[in-house]
Amino acid sequence: MAIDPKLIEELDERRRKIMLSGGEEKIEKRHAAGDCTARERLDFLFDDGSFMEFGMHTRHHCHNFGLDKKDIPAEGIVVGVGLVDGKPVAASSADFMAQGGSLGYMHAMKIEDAQRYAMKAGIPMIQINDSGGARLQEGVESLAGFAHVFYNNVAASGVVPQISLILGPCAGGAAYSPALTDFIIIRQGGAAGMYITGPKVIEQVTFEQCTMDEIGSAAVHASVSGNAHFVAQSDEEAIAIAKRLLTYLPPNNTQDPPHDLNVPLNVADDEGMNDIIPADNATPLDMRKVIERLADEDSFMEVHAQFAGNVIVGFARICGVVVGVIANQPAVKAGCLDIDASDKAARFIRCCDSFNIPVVNLVDVPGFLPGKQQERGGIIRHGAKMIFAYASATVPKVTMILRKAYGGAYIAMCCKDLGADAVFAWPCAEIAVMGAQGAIPILYGRELKSIEDAEEREKRRAELLADYTKAFYNPYAAAQVGQVTEVINPSQTRAKIALTLRMLLSKRETRPAKKHGNIPL
């Protein structure tokens, strides 16, 4: 007995109305403003014909303020699973054309369905945000809905990769879900932005006057607050960034990242590495040039590029092996570690460790940034985050000391006793408690003061400086006590790191049984 054709017609009509969301006129307005619809964004994300939608016919159950008379297509959120470059991914996409994409209880339940599916299936979760926040008509139920989403963000953290795209307004509680995910990609311009309270509320409460751009724009979150990891100029670019990120990440925490071990292990010397090293260690070295020579061609994907430029973090491949790179940048603040750089590095280290990605550390650091503002701002606590992140990470860790490595910053950049599996150093490396110029007055201050003749005193100071530097400021002193695995020619850098990474891919390391550590947040 065949199904009644009228039922098929009804199904098709229902689907047609839902797919149009607010109607063709609203769609045209979005396109004119440079915005894609919620479904178009998913079309960009998923391979053709692979998207399977969940809960298309879900409807809110609110009877307040006339909302019961409103038909909100798909409850203002499109969720489901599909294939991205042939690999399964779960996703949600807020529909601003349907009640402003506001989150009600059933709207949240749809997101939760996708989140739970991602965790059960062990696949990444992508959330596309374009919402005015909580649905006021639903009151506390909308807040409960947010709590469900947040709870599952936390449950999924470190289990499956989570990526958030901010492609429209992301207000109030809606901003906290992206903040709980691994990466945030925000679009520049238009209505895209993140904030907890808007300019009007801020003015009413604190009497401060500000614009939306000053508190919620892509520029602010990428360079000042550090909330956003990537900035895109369009919906399509934002989705392309998310898709590229997935090429470095495993589907879940039980699997290895997508290494390509068919890439030949090249152990040839790279003489070009020598050419980029300044003759004087006091001259800043551009660490990006080192990374370019170290990583496979066009494989480096920088994360948080506009925030805390004194440290560089990002994903790369070295002879096909996926790695996370953490590098001091002497061209910015002399490469010192400060509050923001410590937070940036620690967060990235934790992400790499969550998803079994080896970490390569490129060290050229004169210390932690001194200053009253840094001390009062909690540089001790923030710097401790890096130490905690490295010490607790069980992935392969390879440290390369290029030039300066002084004091606590030497430790914080993953020295051997903090858990590095191998530590290499260039012959020009300087490893010490502090810079020689600062050490001499402390160690020999009385002797120098006792020399009355200024010329003799300066001559003696130079002798002491030379002796101290020769004894303590070369990498061989560290190698003699086992802190450096090998001192190498800079031309061997890529070969040594690539070979070490291959050796460490089978690394297994456990930590004492405990619920979790108490990272100094």
Protein backbone atom coordinates (compact mmCIF):
# COMPACT_ATOMS: atom_id res chain seq x y z
CA MET A 1 0.00 0.00 0.00
CA ALA A 2 1.60 3.28 -1.13
CA ILE A 3 1.80 6.30 1.16
CA ASP A 4 -0.87 8.95 0.63
CA PRO A 5 0.56 11.53 -1.86
CA LYS A 6 -1.03 14.30 0.20
CA LEU A 7 1.23 13.43 3.12
CA ILE A 8 4.27 13.77 0.87
CA GLU A 9 2.97 17.09 -0.40
CA GLU A 10 2.46 18.31 3.17
CA LEU A 11 5.98 17.23 4.10
CA ASP A 12 7.48 19.01 1.11
CA GLU A 13 5.54 22.20 1.87
CA ARG A 14 6.58 22.19 5.50
CA ARG A 15 10.19 21.71 4.50
CA ARG A 16 9.96 24.47 1.89
CA LYS A 17 8.68 27.00 4.42
CA ILE A 18 11.30 26.06 6.98
CA MET A 19 14.10 26.23 4.42
CA LEU A 20 13.02 29.76 3.42
CA SER A 21 13.06 30.79 7.09
CA GLY A 22 11.97 34.43 7.14
CA GLY A 23 11.14 34.44 3.45
CA GLU A 24 12.85 35.39 0.20
CA GLU A 25 12.73 39.12 0.97
CA LYS A 26 14.66 38.66 4.22
CA ILE A 27 17.17 36.46 2.44
CA GLU A 28 17.74 39.16 -0.19
CA LYS A 29 18.31 41.75 2.55
CA ARG A 30 20.90 39.55 4.19
CA HIS A 31 22.72 39.05 0.93
CA ALA A 32 22.66 42.80 0.29
CA ALA A 33 24.28 43.33 3.70
CA GLY A 34 27.01 40.80 2.91
CA ASP A 35 25.55 38.10 5.19
CA CYS A 36 24.80 34.50 4.34
CA THR A 37 21.85 32.60 5.75
CA ALA A 38 22.26 29.94 8.41
CA ARG A 39 21.77 27.18 5.85
CA GLU A 40 24.10 28.73 3.29
CA ARG A 41 26.84 28.78 5.90
CA LEU A 42 26.40 25.05 6.46
CA ASP A 43 26.46 24.53 2.69
CA PHE A 44 29.89 26.19 2.61
CA LEU A 45 31.06 23.97 5.46
CA PHE A 46 29.89 20.54 4.41
CA ASP A 47 30.63 18.45 1.35
CA ASP A 48 27.82 18.57 -1.21
CA GLY A 49 24.83 16.47 -0.25
CA SER A 50 26.36 15.18 3.00
CA PHE A 51 24.45 17.27 5.58
CA MET A 52 21.89 15.40 7.68
CA GLU A 53 19.70 17.79 9.69
CA PHE A 54 18.42 17.17 13.21
CA GLY A 55 15.14 18.57 14.54
CA MET A 56 13.95 20.56 11.55
CA HIS A 57 10.37 20.49 12.86
CA THR A 58 11.18 21.38 16.48
CA ARG A 59 8.90 24.06 17.92
CA HIS A 60 9.05 26.14 21.09
CA HIS A 61 6.48 25.58 23.80
CA CYS A 62 6.39 29.11 25.20
CA HIS A 63 2.98 30.75 25.67
CA ASN A 64 4.17 34.14 26.95
CA PHE A 65 3.89 37.51 25.25
CA GLY A 66 2.17 36.11 22.17
CA LEU A 67 5.08 33.87 21.24
CA ASP A 68 2.67 30.93 21.00
CA LYS A 69 1.23 32.59 17.89
CA LYS A 70 4.61 32.86 16.21
CA ASP A 71 6.05 30.25 13.91
CA ILE A 72 9.83 30.23 14.31
CA PRO A 73 11.29 28.12 11.48
CA ALA A 74 13.44 25.28 12.83
CA GLU A 75 13.30 27.07 16.20
CA GLY A 76 15.91 29.58 14.99
CA ILE A 77 18.79 27.09 14.77
CA VAL A 78 19.91 24.60 12.12
CA VAL A 79 21.82 21.60 13.50
CA GLY A 80 23.07 18.29 12.20
CA VAL A 81 26.04 16.32 10.97
CA GLY A 82 27.84 16.01 7.67
CA LEU A 83 31.18 15.46 5.99
CA VAL A 84 33.96 18.06 5.80
CA ASP A 85 36.57 16.92 3.28
CA GLY A 86 35.19 13.44 3.74
CA LYS A 87 35.35 13.42 7.55
CA PRO A 88 32.30 13.62 9.86
CA VAL A 89 31.63 16.84 11.76
CA ALA A 90 28.67 18.05 13.84
CA ALA A 91 27.50 21.66 13.58
CA SER A 92 24.90 24.21 14.60
CA SER A 93 24.10 27.44 12.79
CA ALA A 94 21.97 30.18 14.37
CA ASP A 95 19.32 31.68 12.10
CA PHE A 96 19.06 35.42 12.70
CA MET A 97 16.07 35.61 10.35
CA ALA A 98 14.03 33.48 12.78
CA GLN A 99 13.27 35.50 15.92
CA GLY A 100 16.69 37.10 15.71
CA GLY A 101 18.34 33.73 16.30
CA SER A 102 17.41 34.14 19.97
CA LEU A 103 17.99 31.16 22.20
CA GLY A 104 14.97 29.54 23.78
CA TYR A 105 14.79 26.23 25.58
CA MET A 106 14.03 24.02 22.56
CA HIS A 107 16.55 25.99 20.49
CA ALA A 108 19.16 25.06 23.12
CA MET A 109 18.04 21.42 23.15
CA LYS A 110 18.82 21.21 19.44
CA ILE A 111 22.34 22.50 20.03
CA GLU A 112 22.69 20.04 22.89
CA ASP A 113 21.63 17.18 20.60
CA ALA A 114 24.45 18.05 18.21
CA GLN A 115 26.94 18.41 21.05
CA ARG A 116 26.05 15.05 22.55
CA TYR A 117 26.13 13.41 19.14
CA ALA A 118 29.63 14.83 18.59
CA MET A 119 30.84 13.42 21.89
CA LYS A 120 29.29 9.98 21.30
CA ALA A 121 30.57 9.75 17.74
CA GLY A 122 33.93 11.29 18.61
CA ILE A 123 33.78 14.01 15.96
CA PRO A 124 34.46 17.79 16.00
CA MET A 125 31.71 20.28 16.84
CA ILE A 126 31.38 23.63 15.02
CA GLN A 127 29.04 26.33 16.32
CA ILE A 128 28.10 29.21 14.02
CA ASN A 129 26.85 32.12 16.12
CA ASP A 130 24.51 34.87 14.90
CA SER A 131 22.13 35.63 17.73
CA GLY A 132 20.75 38.45 19.82
CA GLY A 133 21.07 36.31 22.93
CA ALA A 134 18.45 34.87 25.28
CA ARG A 135 14.80 34.82 24.15
CA LEU A 136 13.20 37.23 26.58
CA GLN A 137 9.72 35.75 26.21
CA GLU A 138 10.90 32.44 27.66
CA GLY A 139 12.42 33.96 30.79
CA VAL A 140 14.32 31.54 33.00
CA GLU A 141 13.85 28.69 30.51
CA SER A 142 16.09 30.48 28.03
CA LEU A 143 18.74 30.82 30.75
CA ALA A 144 18.39 27.12 31.51
CA GLY A 145 18.92 26.49 27.81
CA PHE A 146 22.19 28.41 27.87
CA ALA A 147 23.27 26.39 30.90
CA HIS A 148 22.68 23.16 28.99
CA VAL A 149 24.86 24.37 26.11
CA PHE A 150 27.62 25.57 28.47
CA TYR A 151 27.56 22.29 30.38
CA ASN A 152 28.08 20.33 27.19
CA ASN A 153 30.81 22.72 26.01
CA VAL A 154 32.69 21.84 29.18
CA ALA A 155 31.90 18.13 28.90
CA ALA A 156 33.25 18.12 25.33
CA SER A 157 36.35 20.15 26.20
CA GLY A 158 39.44 18.04 25.58
CA VAL A 159 37.27 15.25 24.15
CA VAL A 160 36.44 16.59 20.68
CA PRO A 161 37.64 19.79 18.98
CA GLN A 162 35.19 22.68 19.32
CA ILE A 163 35.31 25.67 16.98
CA SER A 164 33.09 28.76 17.22
CA LEU A 165 32.38 31.19 14.39
CA ILE A 166 31.10 34.67 15.26
CA LEU A 167 29.32 35.76 12.07
CA GLY A 168 26.77 38.08 13.61
CA PRO A 169 25.89 39.55 17.01
CA CYS A 170 26.85 37.38 19.96
CA ALA A 171 25.41 39.10 23.01
CA GLY A 172 25.16 38.37 26.70
CA GLY A 173 25.16 34.70 27.63
CA ALA A 174 25.61 33.77 23.97
CA ALA A 175 29.23 34.94 24.21
CA TYR A 176 30.13 32.44 26.90
CA SER A 177 29.60 29.33 24.81
CA PRO A 178 32.24 30.42 22.25
CA ALA A 179 34.56 31.33 25.13
CA LEU A 180 34.35 27.72 26.32
CA THR A 181 35.40 26.27 22.96
CA ASP A 182 38.91 25.68 21.61
CA PHE A 183 38.99 28.32 18.87
CA ILE A 184 37.00 31.44 18.03
CA ILE A 185 36.88 32.81 14.48
CA ILE A 186 35.27 36.24 14.23
CA ARG A 187 34.21 38.12 11.13
CA GLN A 188 35.35 41.70 10.61
CA GLY A 189 32.64 44.29 10.03
CA GLY A 190 28.88 44.13 9.69
CA ALA A 191 26.91 43.13 12.77
CA ALA A 192 29.44 40.53 13.89
CA GLY A 193 30.70 41.08 17.43
CA MET A 194 30.88 39.72 20.97
CA TYR A 195 29.95 41.48 24.18
CA ILE A 196 28.30 40.79 27.52
CA THR A 197 26.70 44.21 27.97
CA GLY A 198 26.23 46.74 25.19
CA PRO A 199 27.18 50.43 25.22
CA LYS A 200 23.80 51.58 26.55
CA VAL A 201 23.94 49.29 29.57
CA ILE A 202 27.55 50.24 30.26
CA GLU A 203 26.65 53.92 30.21
CA GLN A 204 23.68 53.40 32.52
CA VAL A 205 25.68 51.43 35.07
CA THR A 206 29.18 52.92 34.98
CA PHE A 207 28.54 56.22 33.14
CA GLU A 208 31.25 55.24 30.64
CA GLN A 209 30.57 56.10 27.04
CA CYS A 210 31.72 53.68 24.35
CA THR A 211 30.81 52.35 20.95
CA MET A 212 30.08 48.78 19.95
CA ASP A 213 33.35 48.67 18.01
CA GLU A 214 35.29 49.60 21.15
CA ILE A 215 33.98 46.64 23.14
CA GLY A 216 32.87 43.93 20.73
CA SER A 217 34.55 44.23 17.34
CA ALA A 218 36.85 41.71 15.71
CA ALA A 219 39.77 44.11 16.10
CA VAL A 220 39.24 44.39 19.86
CA HIS A 221 38.84 40.67 20.46
CA ALA A 222 41.75 39.70 18.23
CA SER A 223 44.30 42.19 19.59
CA VAL A 224 43.16 43.52 22.98
CA SER A 225 40.99 41.03 24.86
CA GLY A 226 42.52 38.00 23.17
CA ASN A 227 39.13 36.28 22.95
CA ALA A 228 39.32 35.67 19.19
CA HIS A 229 41.97 33.46 17.59
CA PHE A 230 41.30 34.33 13.94
CA VAL A 231 39.74 37.23 12.02
CA ALA A 232 37.93 36.72 8.72
CA GLN A 233 36.65 39.25 6.21
CA SER A 234 33.59 37.23 5.14
CA ASP A 235 31.44 34.25 6.08
CA GLU A 236 33.17 32.16 3.43
CA GLU A 237 36.65 33.01 4.74
CA ALA A 238 35.63 32.23 8.32
CA ILE A 239 34.37 28.81 7.29
CA ALA A 240 37.52 28.21 5.22
CA ILE A 241 39.63 28.94 8.33
CA ALA A 242 37.57 26.44 10.34
CA LYS A 243 38.02 23.80 7.65
CA ARG A 244 41.78 24.38 7.57
CA LEU A 245 41.96 24.10 11.37
CA LEU A 246 40.34 20.69 11.16
CA THR A 247 43.22 19.48 8.95
CA TYR A 248 45.56 19.74 11.97
CA LEU A 249 43.25 18.22 14.57
CA PRO A 250 42.22 14.62 15.28
CA PRO A 251 38.48 13.92 15.43
CA ASN A 252 38.75 13.24 19.17
CA ASN A 253 41.21 12.84 22.03
CA THR A 254 41.70 9.09 21.57
CA GLN A 255 43.18 9.45 18.09
CA ASP A 256 46.37 10.95 16.72
CA PRO A 257 46.35 14.10 14.61
CA PRO A 258 46.43 13.63 10.83
CA HIS A 259 50.17 13.08 10.39
CA ASP A 260 51.30 12.28 6.86
CA LEU A 261 54.13 9.84 7.45
CA ASN A 262 54.43 9.22 3.72
CA VAL A 263 56.32 12.51 3.54
CA PRO A 264 60.04 11.63 3.30
CA LEU A 265 62.10 12.24 6.42
CA ASN A 266 64.55 14.85 5.12
CA VAL A 267 67.69 14.97 7.26
CA ALA A 268 69.74 17.14 4.91
CA ASP A 269 71.39 20.30 6.28
CA ASP A 270 69.65 23.62 5.63
CA GLU A 271 72.39 26.19 5.19
CA GLY A 272 69.77 28.92 4.78
CA MET A 273 69.07 28.71 8.52
CA ASN A 274 72.55 30.10 9.22
CA ASP A 275 71.89 33.07 6.94
CA ILE A 276 69.00 34.43 8.99
CA ILE A 277 70.93 34.61 12.27
CA PRO A 278 72.20 38.10 13.16
CA ALA A 279 75.92 38.31 13.91
CA ASP A 280 75.18 39.93 17.28
CA ASN A 281 72.94 38.23 19.85
CA ALA A 282 71.66 41.66 20.85
CA THR A 283 70.11 42.12 17.39
CA PRO A 284 66.52 40.81 17.26
CA LEU A 285 65.98 37.62 15.31
CA ASP A 286 62.71 37.36 13.36
CA MET A 287 61.37 34.05 14.61
CA ARG A 288 58.88 33.79 11.75
CA LYS A 289 61.80 33.27 9.37
CA VAL A 290 62.99 30.39 11.53
CA ILE A 291 59.51 28.84 11.53
CA GLU A 292 59.28 29.18 7.74
CA ARG A 293 62.51 27.18 7.31
CA LEU A 294 61.56 24.65 9.96
CA ALA A 295 58.01 23.86 8.81
CA ASP A 296 56.93 22.15 5.61
CA GLU A 297 56.17 24.65 2.86
CA ASP A 298 52.99 26.70 3.47
CA SER A 299 52.05 24.50 6.42
CA PHE A 300 52.30 27.02 9.25
CA MET A 301 48.91 28.23 10.49
CA GLU A 302 49.40 30.94 13.08
CA VAL A 303 46.90 31.16 15.95
CA HIS A 304 46.21 34.39 17.86
CA ALA A 305 48.38 36.26 15.36
CA GLN A 306 47.24 39.73 16.48
CA PHE A 307 47.47 39.14 20.23
CA ALA A 308 50.62 39.16 22.42
CA GLY A 309 53.05 39.33 19.52
CA ASN A 310 56.05 38.60 21.75
CA VAL A 311 55.17 34.91 21.51
CA ILE A 312 54.12 33.08 18.35
CA VAL A 313 51.88 30.01 18.44
CA GLY A 314 50.40 27.94 15.66
CA PHE A 315 50.12 24.61 13.91
CA ALA A 316 52.54 23.29 11.32
CA ARG A 317 53.88 20.13 9.75
CA ILE A 318 57.50 19.07 9.94
CA CYS A 319 58.24 16.31 7.43
CA GLY A 320 54.54 15.46 7.57
CA VAL A 321 54.21 15.37 11.38
CA VAL A 322 51.58 17.74 12.78
CA VAL A 323 53.01 19.92 15.55
CA GLY A 324 52.13 22.89 17.69
CA VAL A 325 54.80 25.58 17.62
CA ILE A 326 55.46 27.93 20.57
CA ALA A 327 58.16 30.49 19.84
CA ASN A 328 59.48 33.64 21.48
CA GLN A 329 59.52 36.61 19.10
CA PRO A 330 62.55 38.85 19.85
CA ALA A 331 61.23 41.44 17.39
CA VAL A 332 58.44 42.29 19.89
CA LYS A 333 59.31 43.33 23.46
CA ALA A 334 62.68 41.62 22.94
CA GLY A 335 60.82 38.32 23.20
CA CYS A 336 60.10 38.73 26.92
CA LEU A 337 57.24 36.75 28.39
CA ASP A 338 54.50 38.93 29.88
CA ILE A 339 50.96 38.39 31.17
CA ASP A 340 49.26 38.14 27.79
CA ALA A 341 52.01 36.04 26.20
CA SER A 342 51.90 33.60 29.13
CA ASP A 343 48.14 33.19 28.81
CA LYS A 344 48.37 32.77 25.05
CA ALA A 345 51.09 30.12 25.23
CA ALA A 346 49.56 28.19 28.14
CA ARG A 347 46.18 27.96 26.43
CA PHE A 348 47.75 26.69 23.21
CA ILE A 349 49.91 24.13 25.01
CA ARG A 350 46.82 22.75 26.77
CA CYS A 351 45.00 22.48 23.44
CA CYS A 352 47.88 20.58 21.84
CA ASP A 353 48.11 18.22 24.80
CA SER A 354 44.35 17.60 24.72
CA PHE A 355 44.53 16.39 21.14
CA ASN A 356 47.85 14.52 21.12
CA ILE A 357 49.72 17.12 19.08
CA PRO A 358 53.51 17.23 19.68
CA VAL A 359 54.91 20.58 20.79
CA VAL A 360 58.01 22.25 19.38
CA ASN A 361 59.44 25.12 21.43
CA LEU A 362 61.71 27.73 19.86
CA VAL A 363 63.47 29.65 22.62
CA ASP A 364 65.01 33.12 22.45
CA VAL A 365 63.88 34.76 25.67
CA PRO A 366 65.69 37.24 27.95
CA GLY A 367 63.22 36.75 30.81
CA PHE A 368 59.83 37.80 32.07
CA LEU A 369 58.93 41.40 31.31
CA PRO A 370 59.84 43.59 34.31
CA GLY A 371 57.61 46.40 35.50
CA LYS A 372 55.16 47.58 38.12
CA GLN A 373 52.15 46.96 35.88
CA GLN A 374 53.22 43.38 35.22
CA GLU A 375 53.83 42.62 38.89
CA ARG A 376 50.54 44.15 40.02
CA GLY A 377 48.75 42.46 37.16
CA GLY A 378 49.81 39.03 38.41
CA ILE A 379 52.72 38.03 36.20
CA ILE A 380 53.63 35.40 38.80
CA ARG A 381 50.24 33.73 38.45
CA HIS A 382 50.07 34.09 34.68
CA GLY A 383 53.63 32.87 34.15
CA ALA A 384 52.85 29.89 36.36
CA LYS A 385 50.16 28.88 33.84
CA MET A 386 52.87 28.18 31.27
CA ILE A 387 54.88 26.15 33.72
CA PHE A 388 51.77 24.19 34.72
CA ALA A 389 50.76 23.60 31.09
CA TYR A 390 54.18 22.30 30.03
CA ALA A 391 54.73 20.18 33.14
CA SER A 392 51.33 18.51 32.86
CA ALA A 393 51.52 17.90 29.08
CA THR A 394 52.30 14.30 28.13
CA VAL A 395 52.68 14.79 24.37
CA PRO A 396 56.15 14.78 22.76
CA LYS A 397 57.96 18.03 23.61
CA VAL A 398 61.05 19.18 21.73
CA THR A 399 62.85 22.37 22.77
CA MET A 400 65.28 24.27 20.56
CA ILE A 401 67.31 27.02 22.30
CA LEU A 402 68.39 29.44 19.59
CA ARG A 403 70.02 32.27 21.54
CA LYS A 404 68.97 33.72 24.92
CA ALA A 405 67.38 31.57 27.61
CA TYR A 406 67.53 33.35 30.94
CA GLY A 407 66.12 32.78 34.39
CA GLY A 408 62.56 31.68 35.02
CA ALA A 409 61.70 32.21 31.37
CA TYR A 410 64.23 29.49 30.44
CA ILE A 411 62.27 27.11 32.64
CA ALA A 412 58.87 28.36 31.48
CA MET A 413 59.76 27.67 27.84
CA CYS A 414 60.02 23.94 28.61
CA CYS A 415 63.52 23.07 29.75
CA LYS A 416 64.51 19.44 30.17
CA ASP A 417 63.54 19.19 33.83
CA LEU A 418 60.10 20.64 33.06
CA GLY A 419 59.47 17.68 30.79
CA ALA A 420 61.14 18.31 27.42
CA ASP A 421 61.98 14.99 25.77
CA ALA A 422 64.89 16.52 23.86
CA VAL A 423 66.63 19.90 24.13
CA PHE A 424 68.85 21.19 21.35
CA ALA A 425 70.89 24.39 21.35
CA TRP A 426 72.75 26.46 18.80
CA PRO A 427 76.43 27.23 19.57
CA CYS A 428 75.47 30.90 20.11
CA ALA A 429 72.91 30.00 22.79
CA GLU A 430 73.22 31.76 26.15
CA ILE A 431 71.70 29.84 29.06
CA ALA A 432 71.95 31.44 32.49
CA VAL A 433 70.12 32.71 35.54
CA MET A 434 70.25 36.26 34.20
CA GLY A 435 72.07 38.44 31.67
CA ALA A 436 75.81 38.79 32.25
CA GLN A 437 75.62 42.58 32.44
CA GLY A 438 73.25 42.25 35.39
CA ALA A 439 75.08 39.36 37.03
CA ILE A 440 78.52 40.99 37.29
CA PRO A 441 77.49 43.81 39.70
CA ILE A 442 75.75 41.25 41.93
CA LEU A 443 78.63 38.78 42.00
CA TYR A 444 81.58 41.17 41.94
CA GLY A 445 80.15 44.48 43.08
CA ARG A 446 82.36 44.82 46.17
CA GLU A 447 85.54 43.96 44.30
CA LEU A 448 84.80 46.51 41.58
CA LYS A 449 83.94 49.23 44.10
CA SER A 450 87.26 48.67 45.86
CA ILE A 451 89.16 49.63 42.68
CA GLU A 452 89.54 53.40 42.87
CA ASP A 453 90.96 54.03 39.40
CA ALA A 454 88.04 54.19 36.95
CA GLU A 455 90.06 52.86 34.04
CA GLU A 456 91.32 49.92 36.05
CA ARG A 457 87.85 49.25 37.39
CA GLU A 458 86.40 49.12 33.86
CA LYS A 459 89.21 46.86 32.69
CA ARG A 460 88.55 44.48 35.59
CA ARG A 461 84.82 44.54 34.91
CA ALA A 462 85.47 43.55 31.28
CA GLU A 463 87.71 40.68 32.39
CA LEU A 464 85.10 39.40 34.83
CA LEU A 465 82.41 39.70 32.19
CA ALA A 466 84.49 37.71 29.68
CA ASP A 467 85.31 35.00 32.22
CA TYR A 468 81.71 34.72 33.42
CA THR A 469 80.37 34.58 29.89
CA LYS A 470 82.87 31.90 28.90
CA ALA A 471 82.06 29.79 31.96
CA PHE A 472 78.27 30.07 32.09
CA TYR A 473 76.86 31.64 28.95
CA ASN A 474 77.58 28.95 26.42
CA PRO A 475 75.43 25.90 25.73
CA TYR A 476 78.24 23.49 26.58
CA ALA A 477 77.97 24.38 30.26
CA ALA A 478 74.33 23.27 30.18
CA ALA A 479 75.18 20.22 28.08
CA GLN A 480 77.82 19.12 30.62
CA VAL A 481 75.15 18.76 33.30
CA GLY A 482 72.64 17.05 31.02
CA GLN A 483 70.33 20.02 30.44
CA VAL A 484 71.02 20.10 26.70
CA THR A 485 70.71 16.91 24.65
CA GLU A 486 72.98 18.15 21.87
CA VAL A 487 74.59 21.36 20.66
CA ILE A 488 73.96 21.55 16.92
CA ASN A 489 74.82 23.62 13.89
CA PRO A 490 71.79 25.81 13.02
CA SER A 491 71.73 24.15 9.60
CA GLN A 492 70.79 20.87 11.36
CA THR A 493 67.76 22.34 13.13
CA ARG A 494 65.03 20.98 10.86
CA ALA A 495 66.66 17.58 10.49
CA LYS A 496 67.18 17.08 14.23
CA ILE A 497 63.66 18.16 15.16
CA ALA A 498 62.06 16.11 12.37
CA LEU A 499 63.98 12.98 13.34
CA THR A 500 63.21 13.46 17.04
CA LEU A 501 59.50 13.88 16.34
CA ARG A 502 59.40 10.61 14.39
CA MET A 503 61.13 8.86 17.28
CA LEU A 504 58.64 10.25 19.79
CA LEU A 505 55.36 9.48 17.97
CA SER A 506 54.95 6.33 20.07
CA LYS A 507 55.60 8.18 23.34
CA ARG A 508 53.41 7.12 26.26
CA GLU A 509 53.56 8.95 29.57
CA THR A 510 51.21 8.93 32.54
CA ARG A 511 50.74 11.21 35.53
CA PRO A 512 49.75 10.38 39.13
CA ALA A 513 46.08 9.46 39.51
CA LYS A 514 43.97 12.49 40.44
CA LYS A 515 40.71 14.17 39.52
CA HIS A 516 42.53 17.10 37.90
CA GLY A 517 45.26 19.58 38.71
CA ASN A 518 44.53 23.06 40.04
CA ILE A 519 46.00 25.29 37.30
CA PRO A 520 46.71 28.83 38.62
CA LEU A 521 43.93 30.56 36.69
